[in-house]
Each structure stands twice: as structure tokens, then as C-alpha cells.
Protein backbone atom coordinates (compact mmCIF):
# COMPACT_ATOMS: atom_id res chain seq x y z
CA MET A 1 124.71 83.78 89.40
CA PRO A 2 125.88 87.35 89.87
CA ASP A 3 124.37 88.90 92.97
CA GLN A 4 126.41 92.05 93.26
CA ASP A 5 127.91 92.93 89.96
CA GLN A 6 126.74 93.76 86.29
CA LEU A 7 123.42 94.59 83.97
CA PRO A 8 121.13 95.07 80.64
CA PRO A 9 118.72 97.46 78.20
CA VAL A 10 115.65 99.39 76.58
CA VAL A 11 113.34 98.85 73.49
CA ARG A 12 110.49 100.16 71.41
CA GLU A 13 108.50 97.22 70.10
CA GLY A 14 110.18 95.96 66.96
CA GLN A 15 113.32 97.98 67.63
CA PRO A 16 116.74 97.26 69.10
CA ALA A 17 117.44 97.88 72.77
CA LEU A 18 118.58 101.22 74.08
CA ASN A 19 121.65 100.59 76.17
CA GLU A 20 121.16 103.80 78.03
CA PRO A 21 122.33 103.96 81.64
CA ALA A 22 119.84 104.62 84.38
CA ARG A 23 119.22 108.09 85.63
CA LYS A 24 121.60 109.30 88.30
CA PRO A 25 121.54 107.15 91.43
CA ALA A 26 120.50 108.56 94.75
CA SER A 27 123.03 110.98 96.19
CA ARG A 28 123.57 112.03 99.79
CA SER A 29 121.23 114.93 99.17
CA ALA A 30 118.38 112.67 98.02
CA PRO A 31 115.21 113.00 100.12
CA LYS A 32 114.69 110.47 102.88
CA TRP A 33 111.73 108.83 101.14
CA GLU A 34 114.01 108.03 98.20
CA THR A 35 116.93 106.67 100.19
CA ASP A 36 114.52 104.57 102.26
CA ALA A 37 112.84 103.19 99.13
CA ARG A 38 116.18 102.36 97.53
CA GLU A 39 117.45 100.61 100.65
CA ARG A 40 114.24 98.60 100.97
CA LEU A 41 114.53 97.55 97.31
CA ARG A 42 118.22 96.69 97.70
CA THR A 43 117.42 94.45 100.68
CA ALA A 44 114.61 92.69 98.79
CA ILE A 45 116.74 92.03 95.69
CA ARG A 46 119.42 90.46 97.88
CA LYS A 47 116.81 88.39 99.69
CA PHE A 48 114.98 87.05 96.65
CA SER A 49 117.84 86.51 94.19
CA LYS A 50 118.74 83.13 95.71
CA PRO A 51 115.18 81.71 95.76
CA LEU A 52 114.65 82.95 92.21
CA GLY A 53 117.82 81.17 91.11
CA GLU A 54 116.68 77.96 92.80
CA MET A 55 113.25 78.26 91.17
CA LEU A 56 114.90 78.68 87.79
CA VAL A 57 116.89 75.48 88.28
CA ARG A 58 113.82 73.45 89.22
CA ASP A 59 111.59 75.19 86.64
CA ALA A 60 109.02 76.35 89.18
CA ASN A 61 105.49 76.79 87.91
CA GLU A 62 103.67 80.07 87.35
CA GLY A 63 101.85 79.87 90.66
CA ASP A 64 105.11 79.66 92.60
CA THR A 65 106.51 82.52 90.52
CA ARG A 66 103.52 84.69 91.44
CA LEU A 67 104.18 84.09 95.14
CA VAL A 68 107.69 85.50 94.80
CA VAL A 69 106.47 88.39 92.64
CA THR A 70 103.88 89.25 95.30
CA ASP A 71 106.57 89.28 97.98
CA LEU A 72 108.80 91.46 95.80
CA LEU A 73 105.97 93.90 95.14
CA ARG A 74 105.31 94.18 98.86
CA GLU A 75 108.80 93.98 100.40
CA GLY A 76 110.80 95.54 97.59
CA PHE A 77 108.53 97.98 95.79
CA GLY A 78 106.55 98.99 98.86
CA PHE A 79 102.99 98.22 97.74
CA ASP A 80 100.30 97.45 100.27
CA THR A 81 98.88 94.01 99.48
CA TYR A 82 95.31 95.06 100.19
CA GLU A 83 95.17 98.72 99.17
CA ASP A 84 97.50 98.83 96.15
CA LEU A 85 97.32 95.39 94.53
CA THR A 86 94.41 93.63 92.87
CA THR A 87 95.02 90.06 91.71
CA GLU A 88 93.13 88.64 88.73
CA TYR A 89 92.01 92.11 87.65
CA GLN A 90 89.03 91.58 85.33
CA VAL A 91 89.01 93.34 81.96
CA ARG A 92 86.06 92.53 79.70
CA GLY A 93 85.80 88.93 80.84
CA GLU A 94 89.55 88.29 80.92
CA PHE A 95 92.03 88.76 83.72
CA ALA A 96 95.34 90.54 84.22
CA ASP A 97 97.48 88.95 86.91
CA TYR A 98 97.74 92.18 88.91
CA GLY A 99 96.40 95.69 88.78
CA ILE A 100 98.36 98.37 90.66
CA ARG A 101 96.49 101.24 92.23
CA ILE A 102 98.01 104.25 93.95
CA ASP A 103 95.66 106.42 95.96
CA GLY A 104 92.77 104.70 94.21
CA ASP A 105 94.00 105.32 90.66
CA LEU A 106 94.75 102.30 88.44
CA ILE A 107 98.19 102.98 86.96
CA ALA A 108 99.61 99.66 85.75
CA PHE A 109 98.95 96.02 84.94
CA ILE A 110 101.38 93.22 85.69
CA GLU A 111 101.52 89.98 83.73
CA VAL A 112 103.49 87.15 85.39
CA LYS A 113 104.97 84.16 83.57
CA ARG A 114 106.73 81.14 85.03
CA VAL A 115 110.29 81.86 86.05
CA LYS A 116 111.88 79.89 83.20
CA SER A 117 109.73 81.51 80.50
CA LYS A 118 111.34 83.90 78.07
CA LEU A 119 109.32 87.10 77.92
CA ALA A 120 107.83 87.41 74.44
CA ALA A 121 105.84 89.86 72.31
CA ARG A 122 102.74 87.64 72.32
CA GLN A 123 102.63 87.86 76.12
CA LEU A 124 102.86 91.62 75.88
CA ARG A 125 100.04 91.78 73.31
CA GLN A 126 97.74 90.00 75.72
CA VAL A 127 98.19 92.43 78.62
CA GLN A 128 98.56 95.38 76.22
CA MET A 129 94.91 95.04 75.24
CA TYR A 130 93.90 95.09 78.90
CA ALA A 131 95.74 98.38 79.28
CA VAL A 132 94.18 99.91 76.17
CA ASN A 133 90.68 98.90 77.27
CA GLU A 134 91.16 100.39 80.74
CA GLY A 135 93.12 103.48 79.67
CA VAL A 136 96.20 102.38 81.61
CA GLU A 137 99.59 103.74 80.48
CA TRP A 138 101.96 101.19 82.01
CA VAL A 139 102.35 97.45 81.61
CA ILE A 140 104.86 95.31 83.51
CA LEU A 141 105.84 91.91 82.15
CA THR A 142 107.86 89.65 84.46
CA ASN A 143 108.90 86.09 85.20
CA GLY A 144 110.08 87.11 88.65
CA ALA A 145 113.70 87.54 87.63
CA HIS A 146 113.33 89.43 84.36
CA TRP A 147 111.29 92.66 84.46
CA GLN A 148 110.15 94.70 81.45
CA VAL A 149 108.16 97.92 81.78
CA PHE A 150 106.27 99.27 78.76
CA HIS A 151 104.49 102.53 78.13
CA ILE A 152 101.26 102.10 76.13
CA GLY A 153 100.29 105.07 73.95
CA ASP A 154 96.74 106.36 73.73
CA HIS A 155 96.63 107.05 69.98
CA VAL A 156 95.94 104.76 67.03
CA PRO A 157 98.07 103.02 65.94
CA ILE A 158 99.07 102.12 69.49
CA GLU A 159 102.72 102.85 70.23
CA ILE A 160 104.55 100.65 72.71
CA ASP A 161 107.81 101.81 74.29
CA LEU A 162 110.02 99.73 76.54
CA ALA A 163 110.92 102.18 79.29
CA LEU A 164 113.18 99.89 81.30
CA GLU A 165 114.35 96.30 81.51
CA VAL A 166 116.15 94.51 84.34
CA ASP A 167 117.23 90.91 84.86
CA LEU A 168 117.86 90.15 88.53
CA LEU A 169 119.75 86.98 87.61
CA GLY A 170 121.64 88.39 84.63
CA GLU A 171 124.63 90.66 84.30
CA GLY A 172 124.67 93.88 86.26
CA THR A 173 125.57 95.32 89.62
CA LEU A 174 123.17 95.34 92.51
CA GLY A 175 123.35 99.13 92.45
CA SER A 176 122.37 99.33 88.78
CA ARG A 177 119.41 97.03 89.37
CA VAL A 178 118.25 99.23 92.22
CA ASP A 179 118.67 102.35 90.04
CA GLU A 180 116.41 100.88 87.36
CA LEU A 181 113.78 99.15 89.49
CA PHE A 182 113.52 102.18 91.79
CA TYR A 183 111.12 103.63 89.20
CA LEU A 184 108.67 100.83 90.04
CA THR A 185 108.58 101.58 93.76
CA ARG A 186 105.34 102.96 95.11
CA GLU A 187 107.06 106.17 96.11
CA SER A 188 108.50 106.81 92.65
CA LEU A 189 105.35 105.81 90.76
CA LYS A 190 103.30 108.11 92.98
CA ARG A 191 105.54 110.99 91.81
CA ARG A 192 105.35 109.87 88.13
CA GLN A 193 109.13 109.76 87.83
CA ILE A 194 108.90 106.92 85.34
CA ASP A 195 107.20 109.34 82.91
CA GLU A 196 110.37 111.45 82.84
CA LEU A 197 112.55 108.37 82.33
CA TRP A 198 110.40 107.20 79.42
CA GLN A 199 110.37 110.62 77.75
CA ALA A 200 114.16 110.91 78.00
CA ARG A 201 114.76 107.45 76.56
CA ARG A 202 112.11 107.85 73.89
CA ALA A 203 113.83 111.03 72.68
CA THR A 204 116.99 109.06 71.84
CA ALA A 205 115.32 105.83 70.72
CA PRO A 206 116.43 104.41 67.33
CA ARG A 207 113.17 105.48 65.67
CA SER A 208 113.57 109.05 66.93
CA LEU A 209 117.17 109.20 65.75
CA ALA A 210 116.18 107.80 62.36
CA GLY A 211 113.58 110.56 62.04
CA VAL A 212 116.24 113.18 62.72
CA LEU A 213 118.59 111.69 60.12
CA LEU A 214 115.84 111.75 57.49
CA SER A 215 114.76 115.32 58.22
CA ASP A 216 115.15 117.96 55.49
CA THR A 217 117.76 119.82 57.53
CA VAL A 218 120.02 116.81 57.96
CA THR A 219 119.65 115.39 54.45
CA GLU A 220 120.42 118.83 52.98
CA ALA A 221 123.51 119.09 55.18
CA VAL A 222 124.61 115.61 54.04
CA ARG A 223 124.08 116.58 50.39
CA LYS A 224 126.29 119.65 50.80
CA GLU A 225 128.98 117.74 52.65
CA LEU A 226 129.03 115.05 49.96
CA ARG A 227 129.54 117.70 47.32
CA ARG A 228 132.34 119.31 49.34
CA ARG A 229 134.12 116.01 49.81
CA THR A 230 133.56 114.37 46.44
CA GLY A 231 132.69 117.15 44.04
CA GLN A 232 129.58 115.18 43.03
CA ARG A 233 126.07 116.63 43.01
CA VAL A 234 123.55 114.40 44.78
CA GLU A 235 119.94 115.48 45.10
CA ARG A 236 118.48 115.67 48.61
CA GLU A 237 115.79 113.11 47.70
CA GLU A 238 118.51 110.69 46.63
CA VAL A 239 120.34 111.21 49.93
CA GLU A 240 117.13 110.40 51.80
CA ARG A 241 116.54 107.28 49.71
CA LEU A 242 120.08 106.03 50.30
CA LEU A 243 119.83 106.63 54.03
CA ARG A 244 116.57 104.68 54.15
CA GLU A 245 117.76 101.79 52.01
CA THR A 246 121.43 101.42 52.88
CA VAL A 247 122.19 103.09 56.21
CA ILE A 248 119.21 103.04 58.58
CA ARG A 249 117.93 99.67 59.76
CA PRO A 250 114.38 98.97 58.51
CA ASP A 251 113.10 98.30 62.03
CA CYS A 252 114.08 101.85 63.00
CA LEU A 253 111.85 103.45 60.37
CA GLU A 254 108.30 104.60 60.96
């Protein structure tokens, strides 16, 4: 079980992961609040990696997993148990495992699964509806070791973007885990830094890139380059059709 070295990705529901590195790690010029938050998170990841690994081996139940998640939220991410966290947050007769409030504003829901569970789309759909009903932008899905953070759009049809994904027991360096999970610290969420991360990754997501490739400007440029290289005339509409059907993966299309 790697504790110090290696890591994983980023998705839009129904799309492949974005293997984009995290934003630049804290430098010596980083403000004190940031270096303190990163060091607190680093200490907590070191502390809880071993118990999480032991829980995985014995297939601990969901209740035990929640205990560790609560400790991580408090000791690692810096949330106050009583002011920032609400367990069993009620949404129209159903309950999200946690609601996160910062300065009184509800900003995220957390859904916790047992440590050995594989995070799945059906689990996301459940907590996604809670977010839509409450007007919450962020949803966190975790089994204690594996963390996925999704942005929930506010337009119909609802768009779901995976902003970051970290596996504390998978491949990756301790530093890279801290760089990613830093965006879930109270200090970073309060400053809405995760919004910037999501926008940057969304801009280069497979669906965004596919849209660029199918734009009139690009397909016209491809048509001209094909003619220059082959001497054959290909209509722009035919170029677009071929890109859609033979080059771009279907799950990257709108």
C-alpha cells in the first residue's frame, strides 16, 4: 500500500478521465493559511492511510467508514464538527450523509459508502438529486479512501463534471494527494478555489475538445489541408461526419 509515492484522474459523467495534473503546489510564497492547511491535510493522510488499509482488508461496514470520514473531515480538511457539518441532512424526506456549511451557507453534500465499495454512477445519481433540490453545486462521493468531487450544473439537462478524484490507497505521491484534496479544505472552499479548478479542467475536457474539432473553423481547415495533401476535394460537411463517426469517441459528443 503506497503511502508516499504515486496517483490518479478527472471525468465528466459518461466520459473518460482527464489525467490532468493538479494545480501548482504550494510554494514558499504561499500564504500561511494555505501552508498550514496543506500541512494539516498531509498529517491526516499519513495518520489515516493505515487504518483505511486495515478496514479495507476486513471489509469494514459503512458505519465504521463514516467514523473515519468524519475524522478526516475534521482533522484533515479543517471542518468544525458542530458548525460546518450536518449528518443525515434531510432533503424532501430522504437523507444525505453529510451537508457541509461554511459561514452558514450550504455548499456541498457528501455521500459515504463502505470502504470496500466501488464508487458507481447510481450512487452519484442518488446524492445528485439532493444537490439539485437544494441548489447545491458540489457533491462529494467517498468510501473513505477513494474521493470523487462533482460539480452539479443548474441548467436542464443537468450537467455533471468530475472536478477531481483521489485514491488515498492507490497510486500517487503523498504530495500529489495533498495537492488535489487541498481544494476540499475549509480554507480553500471558503475562497471558492475549486471553482477555478473545475473551470480549467472543464475547458480541456474530452467533450469540450470534441466541440472544438467539430467547429466550422477547424473542419474547414481540415478540408483545406486534406486537399493540399491529397489533391482530393472533400466537403466540410463530409469532414464533420467523418470526424464524428470515425475519429471522435461517441461518449465525447454532446
